[in-house]
Amino acid sequence: MSRAIRVLIADDHHVVREGLRMILTEADGIEVVGEASEGGRVLRMVEALSPDVVLMDVSMPHMDGVEAARALRDAGSTARVLMLSSFAESEKVREALRAGATGYLMKDVLSTDLIAAIRNAAAGIPTLHPKVQAQLMRDLAAPPQASPLDALSPREREVLALLSKGKANKEIAVELSISVGTVKGYVSDIFDKLGVDDRTQAALLAVKHGLAD
């Protein structure tokens, strides 16, 4: 007989944890080894209990589920993280998957589907709730949103890239072999086109839209 899948339940609501424990305790081949109410405790319990799967609520105090998943990944934990949420917000789903989560379920998931997802997670097989899949598909099908940087000319983009690295107008002028006055004109036009008031705001937009590190 194969070893039971060891599961750690992480949710900040006692009633939710109790309900999940009841469901999982009745499932063949699954053992609930502990419960946690916030991300920091999850990290300590994973180290102490070595669960195979962490059933992790996305929204928890102090350290949320995504942060905890990322910390487990960075620490080299072998525990699989199965996220559980009340929302199918696509950005949060992508954050969770980038943080190393093996799956993402909604809290309205059927108990049979939850158990199947835990077994899949233990085997390294990802599972996404149908609502989450549908939201991600809608995002993929949607036309890409225009970047505010699209309004900039190639030379303005060069100036913005250098500006975002903290270079002064004189340094930009030397690097691009243009006058300081010309640089000032470019910077003014960049501010107007991006709708920002200063170099810091312009640099933040450049980073956000991939023009600078």
N, C-alpha and C. Protein backbone atom coordinates (compact mmCIF):
# COMPACT_ATOMS: atom_id res chain seq x y z
N MET A 1 0.85 -1.20 0.00
CA MET A 1 0.00 0.00 0.00
C MET A 1 0.88 1.25 0.00
N SER A 2 0.61 2.22 -0.89
CA SER A 2 1.43 3.41 -1.00
C SER A 2 1.17 4.35 0.18
N ARG A 3 2.15 5.17 0.46
CA ARG A 3 2.04 6.11 1.57
C ARG A 3 0.97 7.16 1.31
N ALA A 4 0.27 7.58 2.34
CA ALA A 4 -0.76 8.61 2.19
C ALA A 4 -0.14 9.95 1.82
N ILE A 5 -0.88 10.74 1.06
CA ILE A 5 -0.44 12.08 0.70
C ILE A 5 -0.61 12.98 1.92
N ARG A 6 0.48 13.59 2.34
CA ARG A 6 0.47 14.45 3.54
C ARG A 6 0.08 15.87 3.13
N VAL A 7 -0.98 16.40 3.73
CA VAL A 7 -1.52 17.70 3.34
C VAL A 7 -1.50 18.67 4.52
N LEU A 8 -1.02 19.88 4.26
CA LEU A 8 -1.10 20.98 5.22
C LEU A 8 -2.16 21.95 4.72
N ILE A 9 -3.13 22.27 5.57
CA ILE A 9 -4.20 23.20 5.21
C ILE A 9 -3.83 24.59 5.73
N ALA A 10 -3.88 25.60 4.85
CA ALA A 10 -3.56 26.97 5.24
C ALA A 10 -4.70 27.90 4.84
N ASP A 11 -5.40 28.42 5.84
CA ASP A 11 -6.50 29.36 5.61
C ASP A 11 -6.71 30.14 6.90
N ASP A 12 -7.02 31.44 6.78
CA ASP A 12 -7.15 32.24 8.00
C ASP A 12 -8.53 32.14 8.65
N HIS A 13 -9.43 31.37 8.04
CA HIS A 13 -10.76 31.18 8.63
C HIS A 13 -10.86 29.76 9.22
N HIS A 14 -11.14 29.71 10.52
CA HIS A 14 -11.22 28.42 11.21
C HIS A 14 -12.29 27.52 10.61
N VAL A 15 -13.44 28.09 10.26
CA VAL A 15 -14.54 27.29 9.71
C VAL A 15 -14.13 26.65 8.38
N VAL A 16 -13.40 27.40 7.56
CA VAL A 16 -12.94 26.85 6.28
C VAL A 16 -11.96 25.71 6.51
N ARG A 17 -11.01 25.93 7.42
CA ARG A 17 -10.04 24.87 7.71
C ARG A 17 -10.75 23.62 8.22
N GLU A 18 -11.72 23.81 9.09
CA GLU A 18 -12.47 22.68 9.66
C GLU A 18 -13.21 21.92 8.56
N GLY A 19 -13.84 22.67 7.63
CA GLY A 19 -14.55 22.02 6.54
C GLY A 19 -13.62 21.25 5.62
N LEU A 20 -12.47 21.84 5.31
CA LEU A 20 -11.50 21.16 4.46
C LEU A 20 -10.96 19.91 5.14
N ARG A 21 -10.68 20.03 6.44
CA ARG A 21 -10.18 18.86 7.17
C ARG A 21 -11.20 17.72 7.12
N MET A 22 -12.47 18.02 7.31
CA MET A 22 -13.51 16.98 7.28
C MET A 22 -13.55 16.28 5.93
N ILE A 23 -13.46 17.08 4.86
CA ILE A 23 -13.50 16.50 3.51
C ILE A 23 -12.29 15.60 3.28
N LEU A 24 -11.11 16.10 3.63
CA LEU A 24 -9.88 15.36 3.33
C LEU A 24 -9.69 14.15 4.24
N THR A 25 -10.15 14.25 5.47
CA THR A 25 -10.02 13.12 6.39
C THR A 25 -10.79 11.90 5.90
N GLU A 26 -11.88 12.15 5.19
CA GLU A 26 -12.71 11.05 4.68
C GLU A 26 -12.18 10.47 3.37
N ALA A 27 -11.19 11.13 2.76
CA ALA A 27 -10.65 10.68 1.48
C ALA A 27 -9.58 9.61 1.68
N ASP A 28 -9.64 8.57 0.88
CA ASP A 28 -8.63 7.51 0.95
C ASP A 28 -7.27 8.05 0.51
N GLY A 29 -6.25 7.68 1.24
CA GLY A 29 -4.88 7.98 0.82
C GLY A 29 -4.45 9.41 1.06
N ILE A 30 -5.20 10.16 1.87
CA ILE A 30 -4.84 11.55 2.19
C ILE A 30 -4.80 11.71 3.71
N GLU A 31 -3.74 12.31 4.21
CA GLU A 31 -3.60 12.55 5.64
C GLU A 31 -3.37 14.04 5.88
N VAL A 32 -4.22 14.67 6.68
CA VAL A 32 -4.02 16.07 7.06
C VAL A 32 -3.03 16.11 8.21
N VAL A 33 -1.89 16.73 7.99
CA VAL A 33 -0.83 16.71 9.00
C VAL A 33 -0.76 17.99 9.81
N GLY A 34 -1.51 19.03 9.39
CA GLY A 34 -1.47 20.28 10.15
C GLY A 34 -2.31 21.36 9.52
N GLU A 35 -2.48 22.45 10.27
CA GLU A 35 -3.24 23.60 9.81
C GLU A 35 -2.50 24.88 10.17
N ALA A 36 -2.62 25.88 9.30
CA ALA A 36 -1.98 27.17 9.56
C ALA A 36 -2.95 28.27 9.16
N SER A 37 -2.84 29.42 9.83
CA SER A 37 -3.76 30.53 9.56
C SER A 37 -3.09 31.72 8.87
N GLU A 38 -1.78 31.66 8.69
CA GLU A 38 -1.09 32.73 7.96
C GLU A 38 0.22 32.21 7.38
N GLY A 39 0.74 32.97 6.38
CA GLY A 39 1.85 32.48 5.59
C GLY A 39 3.12 32.17 6.35
N GLY A 40 3.45 33.01 7.33
CA GLY A 40 4.67 32.76 8.09
C GLY A 40 4.63 31.43 8.82
N ARG A 41 3.48 31.10 9.37
CA ARG A 41 3.33 29.80 10.05
C ARG A 41 3.40 28.65 9.05
N VAL A 42 2.89 28.88 7.84
CA VAL A 42 3.00 27.85 6.80
C VAL A 42 4.45 27.46 6.59
N LEU A 43 5.33 28.46 6.48
CA LEU A 43 6.75 28.18 6.23
C LEU A 43 7.35 27.34 7.35
N ARG A 44 7.03 27.69 8.59
CA ARG A 44 7.57 26.94 9.73
C ARG A 44 7.01 25.51 9.77
N MET A 45 5.72 25.36 9.46
CA MET A 45 5.11 24.04 9.53
C MET A 45 5.56 23.14 8.38
N VAL A 46 5.80 23.72 7.23
CA VAL A 46 6.32 22.92 6.12
C VAL A 46 7.70 22.36 6.48
N GLU A 47 8.51 23.19 7.09
CA GLU A 47 9.85 22.73 7.50
C GLU A 47 9.75 21.63 8.54
N ALA A 48 8.80 21.77 9.46
CA ALA A 48 8.68 20.80 10.56
C ALA A 48 7.98 19.52 10.16
N LEU A 49 6.98 19.63 9.25
CA LEU A 49 6.11 18.48 8.95
C LEU A 49 6.36 17.83 7.60
N SER A 50 7.06 18.51 6.70
CA SER A 50 7.35 17.97 5.36
C SER A 50 6.09 17.45 4.65
N PRO A 51 5.07 18.28 4.47
CA PRO A 51 3.88 17.81 3.75
C PRO A 51 4.19 17.64 2.26
N ASP A 52 3.39 16.83 1.61
CA ASP A 52 3.52 16.67 0.16
C ASP A 52 2.82 17.81 -0.57
N VAL A 53 1.68 18.25 0.00
CA VAL A 53 0.87 19.29 -0.63
C VAL A 53 0.45 20.31 0.43
N VAL A 54 0.56 21.59 0.07
CA VAL A 54 0.03 22.66 0.92
C VAL A 54 -1.21 23.21 0.21
N LEU A 55 -2.36 23.05 0.85
CA LEU A 55 -3.61 23.60 0.31
C LEU A 55 -3.71 25.02 0.87
N MET A 56 -3.41 26.00 0.04
CA MET A 56 -3.10 27.36 0.50
C MET A 56 -4.13 28.40 0.06
N ASP A 57 -4.72 29.07 1.03
CA ASP A 57 -5.60 30.20 0.74
C ASP A 57 -4.77 31.34 0.16
N VAL A 58 -5.29 32.03 -0.85
CA VAL A 58 -4.56 33.15 -1.43
C VAL A 58 -4.50 34.33 -0.46
N SER A 59 -5.62 34.64 0.18
CA SER A 59 -5.71 35.83 1.04
C SER A 59 -5.57 35.45 2.51
N MET A 60 -4.40 35.76 3.07
CA MET A 60 -4.15 35.53 4.49
C MET A 60 -3.42 36.73 5.05
N PRO A 61 -3.55 37.00 6.36
CA PRO A 61 -2.87 38.16 6.95
C PRO A 61 -1.36 37.96 7.05
N HIS A 62 -0.66 39.09 7.17
CA HIS A 62 0.80 39.13 7.38
C HIS A 62 1.58 38.67 6.15
N MET A 63 1.37 37.46 5.72
CA MET A 63 1.99 36.95 4.49
C MET A 63 0.94 36.17 3.73
N ASP A 64 0.57 36.64 2.54
CA ASP A 64 -0.51 35.95 1.82
C ASP A 64 0.00 34.67 1.16
N GLY A 65 -0.93 33.95 0.54
CA GLY A 65 -0.59 32.65 -0.03
C GLY A 65 0.44 32.71 -1.14
N VAL A 66 0.36 33.74 -1.97
CA VAL A 66 1.32 33.87 -3.07
C VAL A 66 2.72 34.12 -2.53
N GLU A 67 2.82 35.01 -1.55
CA GLU A 67 4.13 35.27 -0.93
C GLU A 67 4.68 34.01 -0.28
N ALA A 68 3.82 33.27 0.40
CA ALA A 68 4.27 32.04 1.06
C ALA A 68 4.73 31.02 0.03
N ALA A 69 3.99 30.90 -1.07
CA ALA A 69 4.38 29.96 -2.13
C ALA A 69 5.74 30.33 -2.70
N ARG A 70 5.94 31.63 -2.91
CA ARG A 70 7.22 32.10 -3.45
C ARG A 70 8.37 31.80 -2.47
N ALA A 71 8.10 32.01 -1.18
CA ALA A 71 9.13 31.75 -0.17
C ALA A 71 9.47 30.27 -0.10
N LEU A 72 8.45 29.41 -0.23
CA LEU A 72 8.70 27.97 -0.22
C LEU A 72 9.55 27.56 -1.43
N ARG A 73 9.20 28.11 -2.59
CA ARG A 73 9.97 27.81 -3.80
C ARG A 73 11.42 28.24 -3.65
N ASP A 74 11.60 29.48 -3.15
CA ASP A 74 12.96 30.01 -3.02
C ASP A 74 13.78 29.24 -1.98
N ALA A 75 13.09 28.64 -1.01
CA ALA A 75 13.78 27.86 0.03
C ALA A 75 14.08 26.44 -0.44
N GLY A 76 13.63 26.09 -1.64
CA GLY A 76 13.89 24.76 -2.17
C GLY A 76 12.96 23.69 -1.64
N SER A 77 11.79 24.09 -1.12
CA SER A 77 10.84 23.11 -0.59
C SER A 77 10.31 22.22 -1.72
N THR A 78 10.10 20.96 -1.40
CA THR A 78 9.54 20.01 -2.36
C THR A 78 8.01 19.92 -2.25
N ALA A 79 7.44 20.62 -1.28
CA ALA A 79 5.98 20.59 -1.12
C ALA A 79 5.30 21.27 -2.31
N ARG A 80 4.28 20.63 -2.82
CA ARG A 80 3.50 21.23 -3.90
C ARG A 80 2.45 22.17 -3.30
N VAL A 81 2.26 23.31 -3.94
CA VAL A 81 1.29 24.29 -3.44
C VAL A 81 0.07 24.31 -4.34
N LEU A 82 -1.08 24.09 -3.74
CA LEU A 82 -2.36 24.15 -4.44
C LEU A 82 -3.12 25.34 -3.87
N MET A 83 -3.29 26.38 -4.68
CA MET A 83 -3.92 27.60 -4.20
C MET A 83 -5.44 27.45 -4.16
N LEU A 84 -6.04 28.12 -3.18
CA LEU A 84 -7.49 28.10 -3.00
C LEU A 84 -7.95 29.54 -2.82
N SER A 85 -8.94 29.97 -3.60
CA SER A 85 -9.34 31.37 -3.56
C SER A 85 -10.84 31.52 -3.80
N SER A 86 -11.35 32.69 -3.40
CA SER A 86 -12.75 33.02 -3.69
C SER A 86 -12.86 33.77 -5.00
N PHE A 87 -11.72 34.14 -5.59
CA PHE A 87 -11.72 34.98 -6.78
C PHE A 87 -10.88 34.38 -7.90
N ALA A 88 -11.34 34.58 -9.13
CA ALA A 88 -10.61 34.08 -10.30
C ALA A 88 -9.86 35.20 -11.00
N GLU A 89 -9.41 36.17 -10.22
CA GLU A 89 -8.70 37.32 -10.79
C GLU A 89 -7.44 36.84 -11.51
N SER A 90 -7.38 37.12 -12.81
CA SER A 90 -6.33 36.53 -13.64
C SER A 90 -4.93 36.95 -13.22
N GLU A 91 -4.75 38.20 -12.79
CA GLU A 91 -3.42 38.64 -12.39
C GLU A 91 -2.94 37.88 -11.16
N LYS A 92 -3.86 37.65 -10.21
CA LYS A 92 -3.49 36.89 -9.02
C LYS A 92 -3.17 35.44 -9.37
N VAL A 93 -3.91 34.89 -10.33
CA VAL A 93 -3.63 33.52 -10.78
C VAL A 93 -2.23 33.45 -11.38
N ARG A 94 -1.91 34.40 -12.24
CA ARG A 94 -0.58 34.41 -12.87
C ARG A 94 0.52 34.58 -11.82
N GLU A 95 0.29 35.45 -10.84
CA GLU A 95 1.27 35.63 -9.76
C GLU A 95 1.50 34.31 -9.02
N ALA A 96 0.40 33.61 -8.73
CA ALA A 96 0.50 32.35 -8.00
C ALA A 96 1.28 31.31 -8.80
N LEU A 97 1.00 31.21 -10.09
CA LEU A 97 1.69 30.23 -10.92
C LEU A 97 3.17 30.59 -11.08
N ARG A 98 3.45 31.89 -11.21
CA ARG A 98 4.85 32.32 -11.28
C ARG A 98 5.57 32.05 -9.97
N ALA A 99 4.83 32.06 -8.86
CA ALA A 99 5.43 31.80 -7.55
C ALA A 99 5.66 30.32 -7.31
N GLY A 100 5.23 29.48 -8.26
CA GLY A 100 5.50 28.05 -8.14
C GLY A 100 4.30 27.18 -7.80
N ALA A 101 3.10 27.76 -7.71
CA ALA A 101 1.92 26.96 -7.40
C ALA A 101 1.67 25.92 -8.50
N THR A 102 1.27 24.73 -8.07
CA THR A 102 0.98 23.64 -9.01
C THR A 102 -0.45 23.72 -9.53
N GLY A 103 -1.32 24.39 -8.79
CA GLY A 103 -2.71 24.50 -9.23
C GLY A 103 -3.40 25.66 -8.56
N TYR A 104 -4.61 25.99 -9.05
CA TYR A 104 -5.37 27.12 -8.53
C TYR A 104 -6.84 26.75 -8.58
N LEU A 105 -7.47 26.66 -7.41
CA LEU A 105 -8.87 26.26 -7.32
C LEU A 105 -9.70 27.38 -6.70
N MET A 106 -10.98 27.37 -7.02
CA MET A 106 -11.93 28.27 -6.37
C MET A 106 -12.54 27.55 -5.17
N LYS A 107 -13.03 28.32 -4.20
CA LYS A 107 -13.57 27.72 -2.98
C LYS A 107 -14.93 27.06 -3.19
N ASP A 108 -15.51 27.23 -4.38
CA ASP A 108 -16.76 26.52 -4.67
C ASP A 108 -16.50 25.17 -5.34
N VAL A 109 -15.23 24.73 -5.33
CA VAL A 109 -14.87 23.46 -5.98
C VAL A 109 -15.59 22.29 -5.30
N LEU A 110 -16.00 21.33 -6.10
CA LEU A 110 -16.61 20.12 -5.55
C LEU A 110 -15.57 19.32 -4.76
N SER A 111 -16.02 18.64 -3.72
CA SER A 111 -15.08 17.89 -2.88
C SER A 111 -14.34 16.83 -3.69
N THR A 112 -15.02 16.20 -4.64
CA THR A 112 -14.36 15.18 -5.46
C THR A 112 -13.26 15.80 -6.33
N ASP A 113 -13.54 17.01 -6.84
CA ASP A 113 -12.55 17.69 -7.67
C ASP A 113 -11.38 18.18 -6.82
N LEU A 114 -11.66 18.60 -5.59
CA LEU A 114 -10.60 19.02 -4.68
C LEU A 114 -9.66 17.87 -4.38
N ILE A 115 -10.22 16.73 -4.08
CA ILE A 115 -9.40 15.55 -3.76
C ILE A 115 -8.57 15.14 -4.98
N ALA A 116 -9.20 15.18 -6.16
CA ALA A 116 -8.46 14.83 -7.38
C ALA A 116 -7.32 15.82 -7.62
N ALA A 117 -7.57 17.11 -7.36
CA ALA A 117 -6.53 18.12 -7.56
C ALA A 117 -5.37 17.92 -6.59
N ILE A 118 -5.66 17.53 -5.37
CA ILE A 118 -4.59 17.25 -4.39
C ILE A 118 -3.75 16.07 -4.85
N ARG A 119 -4.41 15.03 -5.34
CA ARG A 119 -3.66 13.86 -5.85
C ARG A 119 -2.82 14.26 -7.07
N ASN A 120 -3.38 15.10 -7.93
CA ASN A 120 -2.62 15.57 -9.08
C ASN A 120 -1.43 16.40 -8.64
N ALA A 121 -1.67 17.29 -7.67
CA ALA A 121 -0.58 18.15 -7.18
C ALA A 121 0.56 17.31 -6.62
N ALA A 122 0.22 16.29 -5.85
CA ALA A 122 1.25 15.42 -5.27
C ALA A 122 2.08 14.75 -6.36
N ALA A 123 1.45 14.52 -7.51
CA ALA A 123 2.15 13.90 -8.63
C ALA A 123 2.79 14.93 -9.56
N GLY A 124 2.65 16.21 -9.21
CA GLY A 124 3.24 17.27 -10.04
C GLY A 124 2.41 17.63 -11.24
N ILE A 125 1.13 17.25 -11.23
CA ILE A 125 0.23 17.54 -12.36
C ILE A 125 -0.60 18.78 -12.02
N PRO A 126 -0.53 19.84 -12.83
CA PRO A 126 -1.28 21.06 -12.51
C PRO A 126 -2.77 20.92 -12.71
N THR A 127 -3.52 21.66 -11.89
CA THR A 127 -4.97 21.69 -12.00
C THR A 127 -5.45 23.13 -11.88
N LEU A 128 -6.29 23.57 -12.82
CA LEU A 128 -6.90 24.89 -12.75
C LEU A 128 -8.41 24.75 -12.71
N HIS A 129 -9.03 25.50 -11.82
CA HIS A 129 -10.49 25.52 -11.74
C HIS A 129 -11.06 25.99 -13.08
N PRO A 130 -12.20 25.45 -13.53
CA PRO A 130 -12.78 25.87 -14.81
C PRO A 130 -12.98 27.38 -14.93
N LYS A 131 -13.37 28.06 -13.85
CA LYS A 131 -13.55 29.52 -13.90
C LYS A 131 -12.22 30.22 -14.14
N VAL A 132 -11.16 29.67 -13.55
CA VAL A 132 -9.83 30.24 -13.73
C VAL A 132 -9.37 30.03 -15.16
N GLN A 133 -9.57 28.84 -15.69
CA GLN A 133 -9.22 28.56 -17.08
C GLN A 133 -9.95 29.50 -18.02
N ALA A 134 -11.25 29.71 -17.78
CA ALA A 134 -12.06 30.57 -18.65
C ALA A 134 -11.55 32.01 -18.62
N GLN A 135 -11.18 32.49 -17.42
CA GLN A 135 -10.68 33.86 -17.30
C GLN A 135 -9.35 34.03 -18.03
N LEU A 136 -8.47 33.06 -17.88
CA LEU A 136 -7.18 33.13 -18.58
C LEU A 136 -7.36 33.08 -20.09
N MET A 137 -8.30 32.28 -20.55
CA MET A 137 -8.58 32.20 -21.99
C MET A 137 -9.12 33.53 -22.51
N ARG A 138 -9.99 34.18 -21.73
CA ARG A 138 -10.50 35.49 -22.14
C ARG A 138 -9.37 36.51 -22.23
N ASP A 139 -8.46 36.44 -21.27
CA ASP A 139 -7.33 37.37 -21.29
C ASP A 139 -6.45 37.15 -22.52
N LEU A 140 -6.23 35.88 -22.86
CA LEU A 140 -5.40 35.57 -24.03
C LEU A 140 -6.06 36.01 -25.32
N ALA A 141 -7.39 35.91 -25.36
CA ALA A 141 -8.13 36.25 -26.57
C ALA A 141 -8.31 37.76 -26.74
N ALA A 142 -8.18 38.51 -25.64
CA ALA A 142 -8.39 39.95 -25.70
C ALA A 142 -7.24 40.63 -26.44
N PRO A 143 -7.54 41.68 -27.22
CA PRO A 143 -6.46 42.39 -27.91
C PRO A 143 -5.53 43.05 -26.91
N PRO A 144 -4.24 43.07 -27.19
CA PRO A 144 -3.30 43.68 -26.24
C PRO A 144 -3.58 45.16 -26.05
N GLN A 145 -3.43 45.62 -24.81
CA GLN A 145 -3.65 47.03 -24.53
C GLN A 145 -2.45 47.85 -25.01
N ALA A 146 -2.76 49.01 -25.57
CA ALA A 146 -1.70 49.87 -26.07
C ALA A 146 -0.87 50.40 -24.91
N SER A 147 0.44 50.47 -25.13
CA SER A 147 1.34 51.01 -24.12
C SER A 147 1.43 52.52 -24.32
N PRO A 148 1.49 53.30 -23.24
CA PRO A 148 1.67 54.76 -23.40
C PRO A 148 2.99 55.08 -24.09
N LEU A 149 3.94 54.14 -24.03
CA LEU A 149 5.23 54.37 -24.69
C LEU A 149 5.12 54.33 -26.21
N ASP A 150 3.99 53.80 -26.72
CA ASP A 150 3.80 53.74 -28.17
C ASP A 150 3.77 55.12 -28.80
N ALA A 151 3.43 56.13 -27.99
CA ALA A 151 3.34 57.50 -28.50
C ALA A 151 4.72 58.14 -28.70
N LEU A 152 5.75 57.51 -28.18
CA LEU A 152 7.09 58.09 -28.25
C LEU A 152 7.80 57.73 -29.55
N SER A 153 8.61 58.66 -30.04
CA SER A 153 9.45 58.37 -31.20
C SER A 153 10.62 57.50 -30.77
N PRO A 154 11.31 56.87 -31.72
CA PRO A 154 12.48 56.05 -31.36
C PRO A 154 13.51 56.81 -30.53
N ARG A 155 13.77 58.08 -30.91
CA ARG A 155 14.76 58.87 -30.17
C ARG A 155 14.25 59.19 -28.76
N GLU A 156 12.95 59.47 -28.63
CA GLU A 156 12.39 59.73 -27.31
C GLU A 156 12.47 58.49 -26.42
N ARG A 157 12.30 57.34 -27.01
CA ARG A 157 12.43 56.10 -26.24
C ARG A 157 13.88 55.91 -25.76
N GLU A 158 14.84 56.28 -26.61
CA GLU A 158 16.25 56.21 -26.20
C GLU A 158 16.51 57.14 -25.02
N VAL A 159 15.99 58.36 -25.11
CA VAL A 159 16.17 59.33 -24.03
C VAL A 159 15.52 58.82 -22.75
N LEU A 160 14.31 58.28 -22.87
CA LEU A 160 13.60 57.77 -21.69
C LEU A 160 14.35 56.61 -21.06
N ALA A 161 14.91 55.73 -21.88
CA ALA A 161 15.65 54.58 -21.35
C ALA A 161 16.86 55.06 -20.55
N LEU A 162 17.54 56.07 -21.03
CA LEU A 162 18.71 56.60 -20.31
C LEU A 162 18.27 57.37 -19.06
N LEU A 163 17.19 58.12 -19.20
CA LEU A 163 16.64 58.87 -18.06
C LEU A 163 16.26 57.92 -16.92
N SER A 164 15.69 56.78 -17.30
CA SER A 164 15.25 55.83 -16.28
C SER A 164 16.41 55.17 -15.56
N LYS A 165 17.62 55.26 -16.12
CA LYS A 165 18.82 54.75 -15.46
C LYS A 165 19.44 55.78 -14.54
N GLY A 166 18.77 56.93 -14.40
CA GLY A 166 19.25 57.97 -13.51
C GLY A 166 20.25 58.93 -14.12
N LYS A 167 20.38 58.90 -15.44
CA LYS A 167 21.35 59.78 -16.10
C LYS A 167 20.81 61.21 -16.20
N ALA A 168 21.67 62.17 -15.96
CA ALA A 168 21.31 63.58 -16.08
C ALA A 168 21.26 63.99 -17.56
N ASN A 169 20.66 65.15 -17.83
CA ASN A 169 20.53 65.60 -19.21
C ASN A 169 21.89 65.69 -19.91
N LYS A 170 22.93 66.16 -19.19
CA LYS A 170 24.26 66.29 -19.79
C LYS A 170 24.82 64.93 -20.18
N GLU A 171 24.60 63.93 -19.32
CA GLU A 171 25.08 62.57 -19.61
C GLU A 171 24.34 61.98 -20.82
N ILE A 172 23.05 62.23 -20.89
CA ILE A 172 22.26 61.74 -22.02
C ILE A 172 22.74 62.41 -23.30
N ALA A 173 23.01 63.70 -23.22
CA ALA A 173 23.48 64.43 -24.40
C ALA A 173 24.79 63.86 -24.92
N VAL A 174 25.71 63.55 -24.02
CA VAL A 174 27.00 62.98 -24.42
C VAL A 174 26.81 61.62 -25.06
N GLU A 175 25.97 60.78 -24.43
CA GLU A 175 25.78 59.41 -24.92
C GLU A 175 25.12 59.39 -26.29
N LEU A 176 24.20 60.33 -26.54
CA LEU A 176 23.47 60.33 -27.81
C LEU A 176 24.05 61.32 -28.83
N SER A 177 25.13 62.01 -28.43
CA SER A 177 25.81 62.99 -29.30
C SER A 177 24.85 64.08 -29.77
N ILE A 178 24.09 64.63 -28.83
CA ILE A 178 23.18 65.74 -29.12
C ILE A 178 23.40 66.79 -28.04
N SER A 179 22.82 67.97 -28.23
CA SER A 179 23.03 69.05 -27.26
C SER A 179 22.13 68.86 -26.04
N VAL A 180 22.55 69.51 -24.94
CA VAL A 180 21.75 69.45 -23.72
C VAL A 180 20.39 70.08 -23.95
N GLY A 181 20.34 71.16 -24.74
CA GLY A 181 19.07 71.79 -25.05
C GLY A 181 18.12 70.85 -25.78
N THR A 182 18.68 70.06 -26.69
CA THR A 182 17.86 69.09 -27.42
C THR A 182 17.31 68.03 -26.47
N VAL A 183 18.16 67.59 -25.55
CA VAL A 183 17.72 66.61 -24.56
C VAL A 183 16.57 67.18 -23.73
N LYS A 184 16.70 68.43 -23.29
CA LYS A 184 15.64 69.06 -22.51
C LYS A 184 14.33 69.08 -23.29
N GLY A 185 14.43 69.34 -24.58
CA GLY A 185 13.23 69.35 -25.41
C GLY A 185 12.59 67.97 -25.49
N TYR A 186 13.44 66.94 -25.65
CA TYR A 186 12.92 65.57 -25.68
C TYR A 186 12.25 65.21 -24.36
N VAL A 187 12.91 65.57 -23.25
CA VAL A 187 12.37 65.23 -21.93
C VAL A 187 11.01 65.91 -21.73
N SER A 188 10.90 67.16 -22.13
CA SER A 188 9.62 67.87 -22.01
C SER A 188 8.54 67.19 -22.84
N ASP A 189 8.88 66.79 -24.06
CA ASP A 189 7.91 66.12 -24.94
C ASP A 189 7.51 64.75 -24.34
N ILE A 190 8.48 64.06 -23.77
CA ILE A 190 8.20 62.76 -23.14
C ILE A 190 7.21 62.93 -22.00
N PHE A 191 7.44 63.93 -21.15
CA PHE A 191 6.52 64.18 -20.04
C PHE A 191 5.10 64.45 -20.55
N ASP A 192 5.00 65.26 -21.60
CA ASP A 192 3.69 65.61 -22.16
C ASP A 192 2.99 64.37 -22.71
N LYS A 193 3.72 63.56 -23.46
CA LYS A 193 3.12 62.39 -24.10
C LYS A 193 2.72 61.32 -23.08
N LEU A 194 3.51 61.19 -22.01
CA LEU A 194 3.22 60.17 -21.00
C LEU A 194 2.26 60.69 -19.93
N GLY A 195 2.04 61.99 -19.90
CA GLY A 195 1.15 62.55 -18.88
C GLY A 195 1.73 62.50 -17.48
N VAL A 196 3.06 62.70 -17.38
CA VAL A 196 3.73 62.67 -16.07
C VAL A 196 4.32 64.04 -15.79
N ASP A 197 4.71 64.25 -14.51
CA ASP A 197 5.22 65.56 -14.09
C ASP A 197 6.70 65.60 -13.82
N ASP A 198 7.31 64.41 -13.67
CA ASP A 198 8.74 64.44 -13.31
C ASP A 198 9.45 63.19 -13.83
N ARG A 199 10.75 63.16 -13.65
CA ARG A 199 11.59 62.08 -14.16
C ARG A 199 11.28 60.76 -13.47
N THR A 200 10.97 60.81 -12.18
CA THR A 200 10.68 59.58 -11.45
C THR A 200 9.45 58.88 -12.01
N GLN A 201 8.39 59.64 -12.26
CA GLN A 201 7.17 59.05 -12.82
C GLN A 201 7.43 58.48 -14.21
N ALA A 202 8.21 59.21 -15.00
CA ALA A 202 8.54 58.72 -16.35
C ALA A 202 9.35 57.42 -16.27
N ALA A 203 10.31 57.39 -15.34
CA ALA A 203 11.13 56.18 -15.18
C ALA A 203 10.29 54.98 -14.73
N LEU A 204 9.34 55.21 -13.84
CA LEU A 204 8.47 54.12 -13.38
C LEU A 204 7.65 53.55 -14.54
N LEU A 205 7.15 54.42 -15.41
CA LEU A 205 6.41 53.94 -16.58
C LEU A 205 7.33 53.15 -17.51
N ALA A 206 8.56 53.60 -17.65
CA ALA A 206 9.51 52.88 -18.51
C ALA A 206 9.75 51.48 -17.99
N VAL A 207 9.90 51.36 -16.66
CA VAL A 207 10.11 50.03 -16.06
C VAL A 207 8.87 49.18 -16.21
N LYS A 208 7.70 49.76 -15.92
CA LYS A 208 6.45 49.02 -15.98
C LYS A 208 6.20 48.44 -17.37
N HIS A 209 6.59 49.17 -18.41
CA HIS A 209 6.30 48.72 -19.77
C HIS A 209 7.53 48.14 -20.48
N GLY A 210 8.51 47.73 -19.66
CA GLY A 210 9.61 46.93 -20.21
C GLY A 210 10.69 47.66 -20.95
N LEU A 211 10.72 49.00 -20.86
CA LEU A 211 11.77 49.74 -21.57
C LEU A 211 13.05 49.82 -20.75
N ALA A 212 12.91 49.64 -19.44
CA ALA A 212 14.08 49.72 -18.56
C ALA A 212 13.99 48.65 -17.50
N ASP A 213 15.11 48.33 -16.89
CA ASP A 213 15.15 47.32 -15.83
C ASP A 213 14.71 47.93 -14.51
